[in-house]
């Protein structure tokens, strides 16, 4: 659970590096919260009334969650790019239609550089030395 909430603890920290575990556990946490909000809204009848439009019972918590989570989401992605010794500006690739999201997805799956790089020490604690 600590991995899931770590980006909230480092809310607007765009410096340093983050492991794949931190990124993917945060993504899983966001997915689970959104699913839980949909289930609660469906059980309470908030997904649609007679007009078929979602009620405020679902919309308000969803919007609040997205607004609270957008900065940590961007920050953990930038730190993940830093772990691979790439600039945080690579995040702008996600705005390329169709392929941008795929490029970012692949970059989030790649392991970071071993040992320290220009963005800080290895978050896994490795020294980068083969024999050390």
N, C-alpha and C. Protein backbone atom coordinates (compact mmCIF):
# COMPACT_ATOMS: atom_id res chain seq x y z
N UNK A 1 0.83 -1.20 0.00
CA UNK A 1 0.00 0.00 0.00
C UNK A 1 0.87 1.26 0.00
N UNK A 2 2.06 1.14 0.60
CA UNK A 2 2.96 2.29 0.66
C UNK A 2 3.39 2.72 -0.74
N UNK A 3 3.61 1.74 -1.64
CA UNK A 3 4.01 2.05 -3.02
C UNK A 3 2.89 2.82 -3.74
N UNK A 4 1.65 2.48 -3.43
CA UNK A 4 0.52 3.12 -4.10
C UNK A 4 0.36 4.58 -3.71
N UNK A 5 0.70 4.90 -2.48
CA UNK A 5 0.48 6.25 -1.98
C UNK A 5 1.73 7.12 -2.01
N UNK A 6 2.88 6.53 -2.35
CA UNK A 6 4.13 7.29 -2.38
C UNK A 6 4.07 8.53 -3.28
N UNK A 7 3.46 8.47 -4.49
CA UNK A 7 3.38 9.68 -5.29
C UNK A 7 2.59 10.81 -4.63
N UNK A 8 1.64 10.48 -3.75
CA UNK A 8 0.93 11.53 -3.02
C UNK A 8 1.83 12.15 -1.96
N UNK A 9 2.73 11.35 -1.38
CA UNK A 9 3.67 11.88 -0.40
C UNK A 9 4.69 12.79 -1.06
N UNK A 10 5.03 12.49 -2.31
CA UNK A 10 5.97 13.31 -3.08
C UNK A 10 5.17 14.13 -4.09
N UNK A 11 4.11 14.78 -3.63
CA UNK A 11 3.05 15.35 -4.45
C UNK A 11 3.54 16.08 -5.70
N UNK A 12 4.33 17.11 -5.56
CA UNK A 12 4.77 17.90 -6.72
C UNK A 12 6.28 17.85 -6.86
N UNK A 13 6.87 16.72 -6.50
CA UNK A 13 8.32 16.53 -6.58
C UNK A 13 8.66 15.98 -7.96
N UNK A 14 9.16 16.85 -8.82
CA UNK A 14 9.50 16.44 -10.18
C UNK A 14 10.99 16.11 -10.31
N UNK A 15 11.72 16.15 -9.21
CA UNK A 15 13.14 15.85 -9.25
C UNK A 15 13.37 14.44 -8.69
N UNK A 16 14.50 13.88 -9.04
CA UNK A 16 14.84 12.56 -8.55
C UNK A 16 14.35 11.47 -9.48
N UNK A 17 14.34 10.26 -8.96
CA UNK A 17 14.01 9.09 -9.76
C UNK A 17 12.98 8.23 -9.03
N UNK A 18 12.20 7.47 -9.79
CA UNK A 18 11.21 6.55 -9.23
C UNK A 18 11.33 5.20 -9.92
N UNK A 19 11.14 4.15 -9.14
CA UNK A 19 11.18 2.80 -9.68
C UNK A 19 9.92 2.49 -10.46
N UNK A 20 9.99 1.42 -11.24
CA UNK A 20 8.80 0.95 -11.96
C UNK A 20 7.70 0.57 -10.99
N UNK A 21 8.07 -0.03 -9.86
CA UNK A 21 7.08 -0.46 -8.87
C UNK A 21 6.23 0.71 -8.40
N UNK A 22 6.86 1.85 -8.13
CA UNK A 22 6.12 3.03 -7.67
C UNK A 22 5.13 3.49 -8.74
N UNK A 23 5.57 3.54 -9.98
CA UNK A 23 4.70 4.00 -11.07
C UNK A 23 3.52 3.05 -11.27
N UNK A 24 3.80 1.76 -11.37
CA UNK A 24 2.73 0.81 -11.69
C UNK A 24 1.79 0.58 -10.52
N UNK A 25 2.28 0.65 -9.30
CA UNK A 25 1.39 0.51 -8.15
C UNK A 25 0.49 1.74 -8.03
N UNK A 26 1.02 2.92 -8.36
CA UNK A 26 0.19 4.13 -8.37
C UNK A 26 -0.87 4.04 -9.46
N UNK A 27 -0.50 3.52 -10.61
CA UNK A 27 -1.47 3.34 -11.70
C UNK A 27 -2.55 2.35 -11.30
N UNK A 28 -2.15 1.27 -10.64
CA UNK A 28 -3.13 0.30 -10.14
C UNK A 28 -4.06 0.94 -9.12
N UNK A 29 -3.51 1.73 -8.21
CA UNK A 29 -4.32 2.42 -7.21
C UNK A 29 -5.36 3.33 -7.86
N UNK A 30 -4.92 4.11 -8.85
CA UNK A 30 -5.86 5.00 -9.55
C UNK A 30 -6.96 4.19 -10.24
N UNK A 31 -6.59 3.09 -10.90
CA UNK A 31 -7.57 2.24 -11.57
C UNK A 31 -8.57 1.68 -10.56
N UNK A 32 -8.08 1.18 -9.42
CA UNK A 32 -8.97 0.59 -8.41
C UNK A 32 -9.92 1.63 -7.80
N UNK A 33 -9.43 2.84 -7.57
CA UNK A 33 -10.29 3.89 -7.02
C UNK A 33 -11.38 4.26 -8.02
N UNK A 34 -11.03 4.37 -9.28
CA UNK A 34 -12.03 4.71 -10.29
C UNK A 34 -13.08 3.60 -10.40
N UNK A 35 -12.64 2.34 -10.38
CA UNK A 35 -13.58 1.20 -10.42
C UNK A 35 -14.48 1.24 -9.19
N UNK A 36 -13.90 1.51 -8.01
CA UNK A 36 -14.71 1.58 -6.79
C UNK A 36 -15.74 2.71 -6.87
N UNK A 37 -15.35 3.85 -7.42
CA UNK A 37 -16.31 4.95 -7.57
C UNK A 37 -17.45 4.58 -8.51
N UNK A 38 -17.13 3.88 -9.58
CA UNK A 38 -18.17 3.45 -10.53
C UNK A 38 -19.11 2.45 -9.86
N UNK A 39 -18.55 1.51 -9.10
CA UNK A 39 -19.39 0.50 -8.43
C UNK A 39 -20.29 1.16 -7.39
N UNK A 40 -19.73 2.05 -6.58
CA UNK A 40 -20.54 2.75 -5.57
C UNK A 40 -21.64 3.57 -6.23
N UNK A 41 -21.29 4.25 -7.31
CA UNK A 41 -22.29 5.06 -8.01
C UNK A 41 -23.38 4.17 -8.61
N UNK A 42 -23.00 3.01 -9.14
CA UNK A 42 -23.99 2.10 -9.72
C UNK A 42 -24.91 1.53 -8.64
N UNK A 43 -24.35 1.17 -7.48
CA UNK A 43 -25.15 0.62 -6.40
C UNK A 43 -26.12 1.67 -5.86
N UNK A 44 -25.66 2.89 -5.76
CA UNK A 44 -26.50 3.96 -5.23
C UNK A 44 -27.37 4.60 -6.30
N UNK A 45 -27.28 4.10 -7.52
CA UNK A 45 -28.12 4.63 -8.58
C UNK A 45 -27.62 5.94 -9.15
N UNK A 46 -26.33 6.21 -9.03
CA UNK A 46 -25.81 7.49 -9.46
C UNK A 46 -25.29 7.53 -10.88
N UNK A 47 -25.25 6.40 -11.58
CA UNK A 47 -24.70 6.41 -12.93
C UNK A 47 -25.68 6.95 -13.96
N UNK A 48 -26.92 6.83 -13.70
CA UNK A 48 -27.88 7.36 -14.65
C UNK A 48 -29.26 7.42 -14.02
N UNK A 49 -29.96 8.50 -14.28
CA UNK A 49 -31.34 8.59 -13.82
C UNK A 49 -32.23 8.35 -15.03
N UNK A 50 -33.44 8.77 -14.97
CA UNK A 50 -34.36 8.50 -16.08
C UNK A 50 -33.91 9.16 -17.38
N UNK A 51 -33.14 10.25 -17.29
CA UNK A 51 -32.64 10.93 -18.47
C UNK A 51 -31.40 10.27 -19.04
N UNK A 52 -30.78 9.35 -18.30
CA UNK A 52 -29.60 8.65 -18.76
C UNK A 52 -28.29 9.39 -18.51
N UNK A 53 -28.33 10.52 -17.83
CA UNK A 53 -27.08 11.25 -17.57
C UNK A 53 -26.60 10.93 -16.15
N UNK A 54 -25.30 10.89 -15.96
CA UNK A 54 -24.76 10.60 -14.63
C UNK A 54 -25.13 11.71 -13.65
N UNK A 55 -25.43 11.31 -12.43
CA UNK A 55 -25.79 12.31 -11.43
C UNK A 55 -24.55 12.83 -10.73
N UNK A 56 -24.74 13.85 -9.93
CA UNK A 56 -23.63 14.46 -9.19
C UNK A 56 -23.04 13.51 -8.16
N UNK A 57 -23.78 12.47 -7.79
CA UNK A 57 -23.28 11.49 -6.83
C UNK A 57 -22.02 10.81 -7.35
N UNK A 58 -21.90 10.67 -8.64
CA UNK A 58 -20.73 10.06 -9.25
C UNK A 58 -19.76 11.12 -9.77
N UNK A 59 -20.27 12.16 -10.37
CA UNK A 59 -19.43 13.16 -11.03
C UNK A 59 -18.52 13.91 -10.05
N UNK A 60 -19.05 14.36 -8.94
CA UNK A 60 -18.26 15.18 -8.01
C UNK A 60 -17.08 14.40 -7.42
N UNK A 61 -17.28 13.20 -6.84
CA UNK A 61 -16.11 12.47 -6.31
C UNK A 61 -15.10 12.11 -7.41
N UNK A 62 -15.59 11.80 -8.59
CA UNK A 62 -14.69 11.45 -9.69
C UNK A 62 -13.83 12.65 -10.09
N UNK A 63 -14.44 13.81 -10.24
CA UNK A 63 -13.70 15.02 -10.61
C UNK A 63 -12.71 15.41 -9.52
N UNK A 64 -13.12 15.30 -8.26
CA UNK A 64 -12.22 15.61 -7.15
C UNK A 64 -11.01 14.67 -7.15
N UNK A 65 -11.25 13.38 -7.36
CA UNK A 65 -10.15 12.42 -7.39
C UNK A 65 -9.19 12.72 -8.53
N UNK A 66 -9.72 13.03 -9.70
CA UNK A 66 -8.87 13.33 -10.85
C UNK A 66 -8.06 14.60 -10.60
N UNK A 67 -8.69 15.63 -10.05
CA UNK A 67 -7.97 16.88 -9.78
C UNK A 67 -6.87 16.71 -8.74
N UNK A 68 -7.13 15.89 -7.72
CA UNK A 68 -6.12 15.65 -6.69
C UNK A 68 -4.98 14.78 -7.24
N UNK A 69 -5.27 13.91 -8.19
CA UNK A 69 -4.29 12.93 -8.67
C UNK A 69 -3.50 13.36 -9.90
N UNK A 70 -3.87 14.44 -10.55
CA UNK A 70 -3.21 14.78 -11.81
C UNK A 70 -1.75 15.20 -11.61
N UNK A 71 -1.47 16.01 -10.60
CA UNK A 71 -0.09 16.44 -10.37
C UNK A 71 0.80 15.28 -9.93
N UNK A 72 0.39 14.43 -8.97
CA UNK A 72 1.24 13.29 -8.64
C UNK A 72 1.44 12.33 -9.81
N UNK A 73 0.43 12.20 -10.65
CA UNK A 73 0.55 11.31 -11.81
C UNK A 73 1.61 11.81 -12.79
N UNK A 74 1.59 13.10 -13.06
CA UNK A 74 2.60 13.67 -13.95
C UNK A 74 3.98 13.60 -13.30
N UNK A 75 4.04 13.89 -12.00
CA UNK A 75 5.32 13.89 -11.29
C UNK A 75 5.95 12.50 -11.27
N UNK A 76 5.17 11.46 -11.01
CA UNK A 76 5.74 10.11 -10.97
C UNK A 76 6.17 9.67 -12.36
N UNK A 77 5.48 10.11 -13.39
CA UNK A 77 5.89 9.79 -14.77
C UNK A 77 7.20 10.48 -15.11
N UNK A 78 7.33 11.74 -14.71
CA UNK A 78 8.58 12.47 -14.97
C UNK A 78 9.73 11.82 -14.20
N UNK A 79 9.52 11.45 -12.94
CA UNK A 79 10.58 10.79 -12.17
C UNK A 79 10.94 9.44 -12.78
N UNK A 80 9.95 8.76 -13.35
CA UNK A 80 10.20 7.48 -14.02
C UNK A 80 11.06 7.69 -15.26
N UNK A 81 10.80 8.77 -16.00
CA UNK A 81 11.65 9.11 -17.14
C UNK A 81 13.06 9.46 -16.68
N UNK A 82 13.17 10.15 -15.55
CA UNK A 82 14.48 10.48 -14.99
C UNK A 82 15.25 9.21 -14.64
N UNK A 83 14.54 8.18 -14.21
CA UNK A 83 15.21 6.92 -13.85
C UNK A 83 15.89 6.30 -15.06
N UNK A 84 15.41 6.62 -16.24
CA UNK A 84 16.00 6.11 -17.48
C UNK A 84 16.97 7.12 -18.08
N UNK A 85 17.31 8.15 -17.33
CA UNK A 85 18.23 9.21 -17.76
C UNK A 85 17.67 9.99 -18.94
N UNK A 86 16.35 10.17 -18.95
CA UNK A 86 15.68 10.97 -19.98
C UNK A 86 15.09 12.21 -19.32
N UNK A 87 15.00 13.27 -20.08
CA UNK A 87 14.43 14.50 -19.58
C UNK A 87 12.93 14.32 -19.32
N UNK A 88 12.43 15.06 -18.35
CA UNK A 88 11.00 15.04 -18.07
C UNK A 88 10.16 15.57 -19.22
N UNK A 89 10.79 16.32 -20.12
CA UNK A 89 10.08 16.86 -21.27
C UNK A 89 9.62 15.76 -22.21
N UNK A 90 10.16 14.55 -22.07
CA UNK A 90 9.68 13.41 -22.86
C UNK A 90 8.21 13.13 -22.57
N UNK A 91 7.71 13.63 -21.44
CA UNK A 91 6.29 13.45 -21.09
C UNK A 91 5.38 14.04 -22.17
N UNK A 92 5.88 15.06 -22.86
CA UNK A 92 5.07 15.70 -23.91
C UNK A 92 4.80 14.76 -25.08
N UNK A 93 5.54 13.66 -25.17
CA UNK A 93 5.27 12.66 -26.20
C UNK A 93 3.85 12.09 -26.05
N UNK A 94 3.33 12.11 -24.84
CA UNK A 94 2.00 11.55 -24.61
C UNK A 94 0.91 12.33 -25.33
N UNK A 95 1.21 13.55 -25.78
CA UNK A 95 0.22 14.35 -26.49
C UNK A 95 0.18 14.09 -27.99
N UNK A 96 1.06 13.22 -28.47
CA UNK A 96 1.04 12.85 -29.89
C UNK A 96 -0.14 11.90 -30.09
N UNK A 97 -1.06 12.22 -30.97
CA UNK A 97 -2.22 11.35 -31.16
C UNK A 97 -1.82 9.94 -31.59
N UNK A 98 -2.55 8.98 -31.08
CA UNK A 98 -2.43 7.56 -31.40
C UNK A 98 -1.17 6.91 -30.86
N UNK A 99 0.01 7.42 -31.15
CA UNK A 99 1.24 6.72 -30.78
C UNK A 99 1.88 7.25 -29.51
N UNK A 100 1.52 8.44 -29.07
CA UNK A 100 2.15 9.04 -27.90
C UNK A 100 1.95 8.21 -26.64
N UNK A 101 0.73 7.76 -26.42
CA UNK A 101 0.46 6.93 -25.25
C UNK A 101 1.20 5.61 -25.30
N UNK A 102 1.35 5.05 -26.48
CA UNK A 102 2.08 3.79 -26.63
C UNK A 102 3.56 4.00 -26.32
N UNK A 103 4.12 5.11 -26.79
CA UNK A 103 5.53 5.41 -26.52
C UNK A 103 5.76 5.56 -25.02
N UNK A 104 4.91 6.31 -24.35
CA UNK A 104 5.05 6.49 -22.90
C UNK A 104 4.87 5.17 -22.18
N UNK A 105 3.91 4.34 -22.61
CA UNK A 105 3.71 3.03 -22.00
C UNK A 105 4.98 2.19 -22.09
N UNK A 106 5.60 2.16 -23.27
CA UNK A 106 6.82 1.39 -23.44
C UNK A 106 7.93 1.94 -22.55
N UNK A 107 8.06 3.27 -22.49
CA UNK A 107 9.10 3.87 -21.65
C UNK A 107 8.88 3.55 -20.17
N UNK A 108 7.62 3.45 -19.75
CA UNK A 108 7.34 3.13 -18.35
C UNK A 108 7.65 1.67 -18.02
N UNK A 109 7.71 0.83 -19.04
CA UNK A 109 8.01 -0.60 -18.83
C UNK A 109 9.51 -0.89 -18.80
N UNK A 110 10.31 0.01 -19.36
CA UNK A 110 11.76 -0.21 -19.44
C UNK A 110 12.40 0.07 -18.09
N UNK A 111 13.36 -0.80 -17.72
CA UNK A 111 14.08 -0.62 -16.47
C UNK A 111 14.94 0.63 -16.53
N UNK A 112 15.19 1.25 -15.39
CA UNK A 112 16.00 2.45 -15.31
C UNK A 112 17.48 2.15 -15.44
N UNK A 113 18.27 3.21 -15.54
CA UNK A 113 19.72 3.03 -15.62
C UNK A 113 20.24 2.54 -14.27
N UNK A 114 21.24 1.70 -14.32
CA UNK A 114 21.84 1.18 -13.09
C UNK A 114 22.82 2.20 -12.54
N UNK A 115 22.81 2.34 -11.26
CA UNK A 115 23.70 3.29 -10.61
C UNK A 115 23.20 4.72 -10.74
N UNK A 116 23.98 5.64 -10.23
CA UNK A 116 23.54 7.04 -10.29
C UNK A 116 23.58 7.59 -11.71
N UNK A 117 22.68 8.51 -11.99
CA UNK A 117 22.71 9.23 -13.25
C UNK A 117 22.57 10.72 -12.93
N UNK A 118 22.38 11.55 -13.94
CA UNK A 118 22.36 13.00 -13.71
C UNK A 118 21.17 13.46 -12.89
N UNK A 119 20.18 12.58 -12.67
CA UNK A 119 18.98 12.95 -11.91
C UNK A 119 19.02 12.45 -10.47
N UNK A 120 20.06 11.70 -10.11
CA UNK A 120 20.18 11.25 -8.73
C UNK A 120 20.63 9.82 -8.62
N UNK A 121 20.67 9.33 -7.37
CA UNK A 121 21.11 7.95 -7.14
C UNK A 121 20.06 6.95 -7.60
N UNK A 122 20.50 5.73 -7.77
CA UNK A 122 19.62 4.65 -8.20
C UNK A 122 18.58 4.39 -7.10
N UNK A 123 17.26 4.45 -7.41
CA UNK A 123 16.25 4.22 -6.36
C UNK A 123 16.24 2.78 -5.85
N UNK A 124 16.82 1.85 -6.64
CA UNK A 124 16.92 0.47 -6.17
C UNK A 124 18.13 0.27 -5.27
N UNK A 125 18.97 1.26 -5.20
CA UNK A 125 20.13 1.18 -4.32
C UNK A 125 21.35 0.56 -4.97
N UNK A 126 21.27 0.25 -6.25
CA UNK A 126 22.42 -0.36 -6.93
C UNK A 126 23.52 0.66 -7.13
N UNK A 127 24.75 0.18 -7.09
CA UNK A 127 25.89 1.07 -7.26
C UNK A 127 26.27 1.24 -8.72
N UNK A 128 25.77 0.36 -9.58
CA UNK A 128 26.13 0.41 -10.98
C UNK A 128 27.40 -0.35 -11.28
N UNK A 129 28.11 -0.79 -10.25
CA UNK A 129 29.33 -1.54 -10.41
C UNK A 129 28.99 -3.03 -10.50
N UNK A 130 29.57 -3.72 -11.41
CA UNK A 130 29.25 -5.14 -11.61
C UNK A 130 29.63 -5.95 -10.38
N UNK A 131 30.77 -5.62 -9.74
CA UNK A 131 31.26 -6.41 -8.63
C UNK A 131 30.91 -5.81 -7.27
N UNK A 132 30.13 -4.71 -7.29
CA UNK A 132 29.84 -4.04 -6.01
C UNK A 132 28.45 -4.18 -5.67
